Amino acid sequence: MKISEIEAALRSLDSQERLRAIAALRKCDAAVALPMLLTKVDDPEFLVRSFVAMGLRQS
């Protein structure tokens, strides 16, 4: 996924899209991924927040 696609997916109302975007951030540099992950720390979906926490732990 391109960065612009990841950003769009993170804004999606579909939690599955947001999960795919967070998974795609694993391939990005920490300098790019961290700010995007931090925007989803308070996501309404528990699974999305869990993926964010895992992503932040790996960065």
PDB file of N, CA and C in Angstrom:
ATOM      1  N   MET A   1       0.836  -1.181   0.000  1.00  0.00           N
ATOM      2  CA  MET A   1       0.000   0.000   0.000  1.00  0.00           C
ATOM      3  C   MET A   1       0.882   1.247   0.000  1.00  0.00           C
ATOM      4  N   LYS A   2       0.467   2.228  -0.743  1.00  0.00           N
ATOM      5  CA  LYS A   2       1.154   3.516  -0.749  1.00  0.00           C
ATOM      6  C   LYS A   2       0.722   4.299   0.493  1.00  0.00           C
ATOM      7  N   ILE A   3       1.536   5.263   0.873  1.00  0.00           N
ATOM      8  CA  ILE A   3       1.240   6.081   2.056  1.00  0.00           C
ATOM      9  C   ILE A   3      -0.119   6.762   1.926  1.00  0.00           C
ATOM     10  N   SER A   4      -0.434   7.273   0.750  1.00  0.00           N
ATOM     11  CA  SER A   4      -1.728   7.943   0.563  1.00  0.00           C
ATOM     12  C   SER A   4      -2.885   6.964   0.738  1.00  0.00           C
ATOM     13  N   GLU A   5      -2.704   5.718   0.322  1.00  0.00           N
ATOM     14  CA  GLU A   5      -3.738   4.694   0.500  1.00  0.00           C
ATOM     15  C   GLU A   5      -3.885   4.323   1.970  1.00  0.00           C
ATOM     16  N   ILE A   6      -2.768   4.258   2.672  1.00  0.00           N
ATOM     17  CA  ILE A   6      -2.808   3.953   4.103  1.00  0.00           C
ATOM     18  C   ILE A   6      -3.542   5.062   4.857  1.00  0.00           C
ATOM     19  N   GLU A   7      -3.215   6.310   4.525  1.00  0.00           N
ATOM     20  CA  GLU A   7      -3.877   7.446   5.183  1.00  0.00           C
ATOM     21  C   GLU A   7      -5.379   7.413   4.946  1.00  0.00           C
ATOM     22  N   ALA A   8      -5.790   7.112   3.720  1.00  0.00           N
ATOM     23  CA  ALA A   8      -7.223   7.050   3.396  1.00  0.00           C
ATOM     24  C   ALA A   8      -7.893   5.903   4.151  1.00  0.00           C
ATOM     25  N   ALA A   9      -7.228   4.762   4.218  1.00  0.00           N
ATOM     26  CA  ALA A   9      -7.795   3.607   4.914  1.00  0.00           C
ATOM     27  C   ALA A   9      -7.913   3.863   6.414  1.00  0.00           C
ATOM     28  N   LEU A  10      -6.974   4.594   6.983  1.00  0.00           N
ATOM     29  CA  LEU A  10      -7.052   4.920   8.405  1.00  0.00           C
ATOM     30  C   LEU A  10      -8.236   5.819   8.713  1.00  0.00           C
ATOM     31  N   ARG A  11      -8.691   6.592   7.739  1.00  0.00           N
ATOM     32  CA  ARG A  11      -9.856   7.471   7.925  1.00  0.00           C
ATOM     33  C   ARG A  11     -11.171   6.752   7.630  1.00  0.00           C
ATOM     34  N   SER A  12     -11.108   5.540   7.126  1.00  0.00           N
ATOM     35  CA  SER A  12     -12.297   4.790   6.731  1.00  0.00           C
ATOM     36  C   SER A  12     -13.204   4.508   7.927  1.00  0.00           C
ATOM     37  N   LEU A  13     -14.484   4.430   7.661  1.00  0.00           N
ATOM     38  CA  LEU A  13     -15.445   4.038   8.689  1.00  0.00           C
ATOM     39  C   LEU A  13     -15.428   2.528   8.922  1.00  0.00           C
ATOM     40  N   ASP A  14     -14.889   1.792   7.970  1.00  0.00           N
ATOM     41  CA  ASP A  14     -14.807   0.330   8.053  1.00  0.00           C
ATOM     42  C   ASP A  14     -13.588  -0.074   8.878  1.00  0.00           C
ATOM     43  N   SER A  15     -13.819  -0.749   9.988  1.00  0.00           N
ATOM     44  CA  SER A  15     -12.711  -1.129  10.865  1.00  0.00           C
ATOM     45  C   SER A  15     -11.743  -2.097  10.186  1.00  0.00           C
ATOM     46  N   GLN A  16     -12.230  -2.904   9.265  1.00  0.00           N
ATOM     47  CA  GLN A  16     -11.343  -3.822   8.544  1.00  0.00           C
ATOM     48  C   GLN A  16     -10.354  -3.058   7.671  1.00  0.00           C
ATOM     49  N   GLU A  17     -10.800  -1.967   7.087  1.00  0.00           N
ATOM     50  CA  GLU A  17      -9.902  -1.112   6.300  1.00  0.00           C
ATOM     51  C   GLU A  17      -8.833  -0.498   7.192  1.00  0.00           C
ATOM     52  N   ARG A  18      -9.246  -0.055   8.368  1.00  0.00           N
ATOM     53  CA  ARG A  18      -8.285   0.529   9.298  1.00  0.00           C
ATOM     54  C   ARG A  18      -7.261  -0.514   9.752  1.00  0.00           C
ATOM     55  N   LEU A  19      -7.716  -1.751   9.973  1.00  0.00           N
ATOM     56  CA  LEU A  19      -6.796  -2.824  10.357  1.00  0.00           C
ATOM     57  C   LEU A  19      -5.790  -3.116   9.247  1.00  0.00           C
ATOM     58  N   ARG A  20      -6.255  -3.140   8.016  1.00  0.00           N
ATOM     59  CA  ARG A  20      -5.345  -3.374   6.879  1.00  0.00           C
ATOM     60  C   ARG A  20      -4.303  -2.263   6.788  1.00  0.00           C
ATOM     61  N   ALA A  21      -4.730  -1.044   7.033  1.00  0.00           N
ATOM     62  CA  ALA A  21      -3.801   0.086   6.979  1.00  0.00           C
ATOM     63  C   ALA A  21      -2.751  -0.024   8.078  1.00  0.00           C
ATOM     64  N   ILE A  22      -3.180  -0.389   9.268  1.00  0.00           N
ATOM     65  CA  ILE A  22      -2.235  -0.532  10.378  1.00  0.00           C
ATOM     66  C   ILE A  22      -1.251  -1.652  10.086  1.00  0.00           C
ATOM     67  N   ALA A  23      -1.732  -2.738   9.525  1.00  0.00           N
ATOM     68  CA  ALA A  23      -0.838  -3.840   9.152  1.00  0.00           C
ATOM     69  C   ALA A  23       0.159  -3.387   8.084  1.00  0.00           C
ATOM     70  N   ALA A  24      -0.277  -2.562   7.161  1.00  0.00           N
ATOM     71  CA  ALA A  24       0.605  -2.076   6.099  1.00  0.00           C
ATOM     72  C   ALA A  24       1.692  -1.156   6.651  1.00  0.00           C
ATOM     73  N   LEU A  25       1.435  -0.527   7.774  1.00  0.00           N
ATOM     74  CA  LEU A  25       2.427   0.364   8.365  1.00  0.00           C
ATOM     75  C   LEU A  25       3.663  -0.378   8.860  1.00  0.00           C
ATOM     76  N   ARG A  26       3.568  -1.687   9.016  1.00  0.00           N
ATOM     77  CA  ARG A  26       4.735  -2.475   9.446  1.00  0.00           C
ATOM     78  C   ARG A  26       5.897  -2.337   8.480  1.00  0.00           C
ATOM     79  N   LYS A  27       5.594  -2.087   7.219  1.00  0.00           N
ATOM     80  CA  LYS A  27       6.627  -1.980   6.187  1.00  0.00           C
ATOM     81  C   LYS A  27       7.194  -0.569   6.061  1.00  0.00           C
ATOM     82  N   CYS A  28       6.653   0.358   6.819  1.00  0.00           N
ATOM     83  CA  CYS A  28       7.091   1.753   6.751  1.00  0.00           C
ATOM     84  C   CYS A  28       8.134   2.041   7.823  1.00  0.00           C
ATOM     85  N   ASP A  29       8.905   3.079   7.599  1.00  0.00           N
ATOM     86  CA  ASP A  29       9.862   3.539   8.605  1.00  0.00           C
ATOM     87  C   ASP A  29       9.106   4.021   9.834  1.00  0.00           C
ATOM     88  N   ALA A  30       9.742   3.921  10.980  1.00  0.00           N
ATOM     89  CA  ALA A  30       9.116   4.349  12.227  1.00  0.00           C
ATOM     90  C   ALA A  30       8.736   5.828  12.188  1.00  0.00           C
ATOM     91  N   ALA A  31       9.538   6.644  11.529  1.00  0.00           N
ATOM     92  CA  ALA A  31       9.252   8.078  11.449  1.00  0.00           C
ATOM     93  C   ALA A  31       7.942   8.356  10.727  1.00  0.00           C
ATOM     94  N   VAL A  32       7.572   7.485   9.821  1.00  0.00           N
ATOM     95  CA  VAL A  32       6.313   7.626   9.083  1.00  0.00           C
ATOM     96  C   VAL A  32       5.176   6.941   9.833  1.00  0.00           C
ATOM     97  N   ALA A  33       5.448   5.742  10.356  1.00  0.00           N
ATOM     98  CA  ALA A  33       4.400   4.926  10.971  1.00  0.00           C
ATOM     99  C   ALA A  33       3.911   5.471  12.312  1.00  0.00           C
ATOM    100  N   LEU A  34       4.831   5.943  13.153  1.00  0.00           N
ATOM    101  CA  LEU A  34       4.440   6.370  14.502  1.00  0.00           C
ATOM    102  C   LEU A  34       3.364   7.449  14.528  1.00  0.00           C
ATOM    103  N   PRO A  35       3.512   8.533  13.767  1.00  0.00           N
ATOM    104  CA  PRO A  35       2.445   9.557  13.809  1.00  0.00           C
ATOM    105  C   PRO A  35       1.093   9.017  13.342  1.00  0.00           C
ATOM    106  N   MET A  36       1.120   8.128  12.365  1.00  0.00           N
ATOM    107  CA  MET A  36      -0.146   7.557  11.876  1.00  0.00           C
ATOM    108  C   MET A  36      -0.762   6.630  12.915  1.00  0.00           C
ATOM    109  N   LEU A  37       0.067   5.821  13.571  1.00  0.00           N
ATOM    110  CA  LEU A  37      -0.439   4.934  14.611  1.00  0.00           C
ATOM    111  C   LEU A  37      -1.045   5.732  15.760  1.00  0.00           C
ATOM    112  N   LEU A  38      -0.400   6.808  16.118  1.00  0.00           N
ATOM    113  CA  LEU A  38      -0.880   7.611  17.243  1.00  0.00           C
ATOM    114  C   LEU A  38      -2.248   8.228  16.991  1.00  0.00           C
ATOM    115  N   THR A  39      -2.626   8.403  15.725  1.00  0.00           N
ATOM    116  CA  THR A  39      -3.953   8.951  15.422  1.00  0.00           C
ATOM    117  C   THR A  39      -5.057   7.951  15.728  1.00  0.00           C
ATOM    118  N   LYS A  40      -4.711   6.671  15.882  1.00  0.00           N
ATOM    119  CA  LYS A  40      -5.709   5.628  16.098  1.00  0.00           C
ATOM    120  C   LYS A  40      -5.679   5.027  17.492  1.00  0.00           C
ATOM    121  N   VAL A  41      -4.936   5.650  18.403  1.00  0.00           N
ATOM    122  CA  VAL A  41      -4.858   5.134  19.775  1.00  0.00           C
ATOM    123  C   VAL A  41      -6.237   5.094  20.434  1.00  0.00           C
ATOM    124  N   ASP A  42      -7.100   6.023  20.104  1.00  0.00           N
ATOM    125  CA  ASP A  42      -8.434   6.103  20.704  1.00  0.00           C
ATOM    126  C   ASP A  42      -9.530   5.604  19.766  1.00  0.00           C
ATOM    127  N   ASP A  43      -9.172   4.732  18.822  1.00  0.00           N
ATOM    128  CA  ASP A  43     -10.158   4.196  17.880  1.00  0.00           C
ATOM    129  C   ASP A  43     -11.294   3.501  18.649  1.00  0.00           C
ATOM    130  N   PRO A  44     -12.532   3.594  18.164  1.00  0.00           N
ATOM    131  CA  PRO A  44     -13.651   2.966  18.873  1.00  0.00           C
ATOM    132  C   PRO A  44     -13.597   1.428  18.876  1.00  0.00           C
ATOM    133  N   GLU A  45     -12.886   0.836  17.934  1.00  0.00           N
ATOM    134  CA  GLU A  45     -12.816  -0.629  17.853  1.00  0.00           C
ATOM    135  C   GLU A  45     -11.641  -1.165  18.671  1.00  0.00           C
ATOM    136  N   PHE A  46     -11.938  -2.124  19.550  1.00  0.00           N
ATOM    137  CA  PHE A  46     -10.906  -2.719  20.398  1.00  0.00           C
ATOM    138  C   PHE A  46      -9.791  -3.357  19.576  1.00  0.00           C
ATOM    139  N   LEU A  47     -10.138  -4.080  18.525  1.00  0.00           N
ATOM    140  CA  LEU A  47      -9.136  -4.768  17.719  1.00  0.00           C
ATOM    141  C   LEU A  47      -8.190  -3.778  17.037  1.00  0.00           C
ATOM    142  N   VAL A  48      -8.707  -2.671  16.576  1.00  0.00           N
ATOM    143  CA  VAL A  48      -7.869  -1.639  15.962  1.00  0.00           C
ATOM    144  C   VAL A  48      -6.901  -1.085  17.003  1.00  0.00           C
ATOM    145  N   ARG A  49      -7.405  -0.781  18.194  1.00  0.00           N
ATOM    146  CA  ARG A  49      -6.532  -0.276  19.260  1.00  0.00           C
ATOM    147  C   ARG A  49      -5.462  -1.302  19.623  1.00  0.00           C
ATOM    148  N   SER A  50      -5.817  -2.577  19.597  1.00  0.00           N
ATOM    149  CA  SER A  50      -4.852  -3.641  19.893  1.00  0.00           C
ATOM    150  C   SER A  50      -3.747  -3.683  18.848  1.00  0.00           C
ATOM    151  N   PHE A  51      -4.114  -3.582  17.582  1.00  0.00           N
ATOM    152  CA  PHE A  51      -3.112  -3.564  16.506  1.00  0.00           C
ATOM    153  C   PHE A  51      -2.216  -2.330  16.638  1.00  0.00           C
ATOM    154  N   VAL A  52      -2.799  -1.207  17.009  1.00  0.00           N
ATOM    155  CA  VAL A  52      -2.016   0.015  17.210  1.00  0.00           C
ATOM    156  C   VAL A  52      -1.008  -0.213  18.332  1.00  0.00           C
ATOM    157  N   ALA A  53      -1.451  -0.791  19.436  1.00  0.00           N
ATOM    158  CA  ALA A  53      -0.536  -1.046  20.557  1.00  0.00           C
ATOM    159  C   ALA A  53       0.604  -1.969  20.132  1.00  0.00           C
ATOM    160  N   MET A  54       0.307  -2.993  19.364  1.00  0.00           N
ATOM    161  CA  MET A  54       1.355  -3.892  18.874  1.00  0.00           C
ATOM    162  C   MET A  54       2.315  -3.141  17.959  1.00  0.00           C
ATOM    163  N   GLY A  55       1.788  -2.282  17.112  1.00  0.00           N
ATOM    164  CA  GLY A  55       2.629  -1.501  16.216  1.00  0.00           C
ATOM    165  C   GLY A  55       3.528  -0.528  16.960  1.00  0.00           C
ATOM    166  N   LEU A  56       2.994   0.082  18.006  1.00  0.00           N
ATOM    167  CA  LEU A  56       3.792   1.010  18.789  1.00  0.00           C
ATOM    168  C   LEU A  56       4.874   0.278  19.574  1.00  0.00           C
ATOM    169  N   ARG A  57       4.583  -0.917  20.006  1.00  0.00           N
ATOM    170  CA  ARG A  57       5.566  -1.702  20.740  1.00  0.00           C
ATOM    171  C   ARG A  57       6.736  -2.102  19.847  1.00  0.00           C
ATOM    172  N   GLN A  58       6.454  -2.361  18.569  1.00  0.00           N
ATOM    173  CA  GLN A  58       7.491  -2.801  17.637  1.00  0.00           C
ATOM    174  C   GLN A  58       8.332  -1.648  17.134  1.00  0.00           C
ATOM    175  N   SER A  59       7.838  -0.425  17.237  1.00  0.00           N
ATOM    176  CA  SER A  59       8.571   0.733  16.705  1.00  0.00           C
ATOM    177  C   SER A  59       9.675   1.180  17.612  1.00  0.00           C
TER     178      SER A  59
END
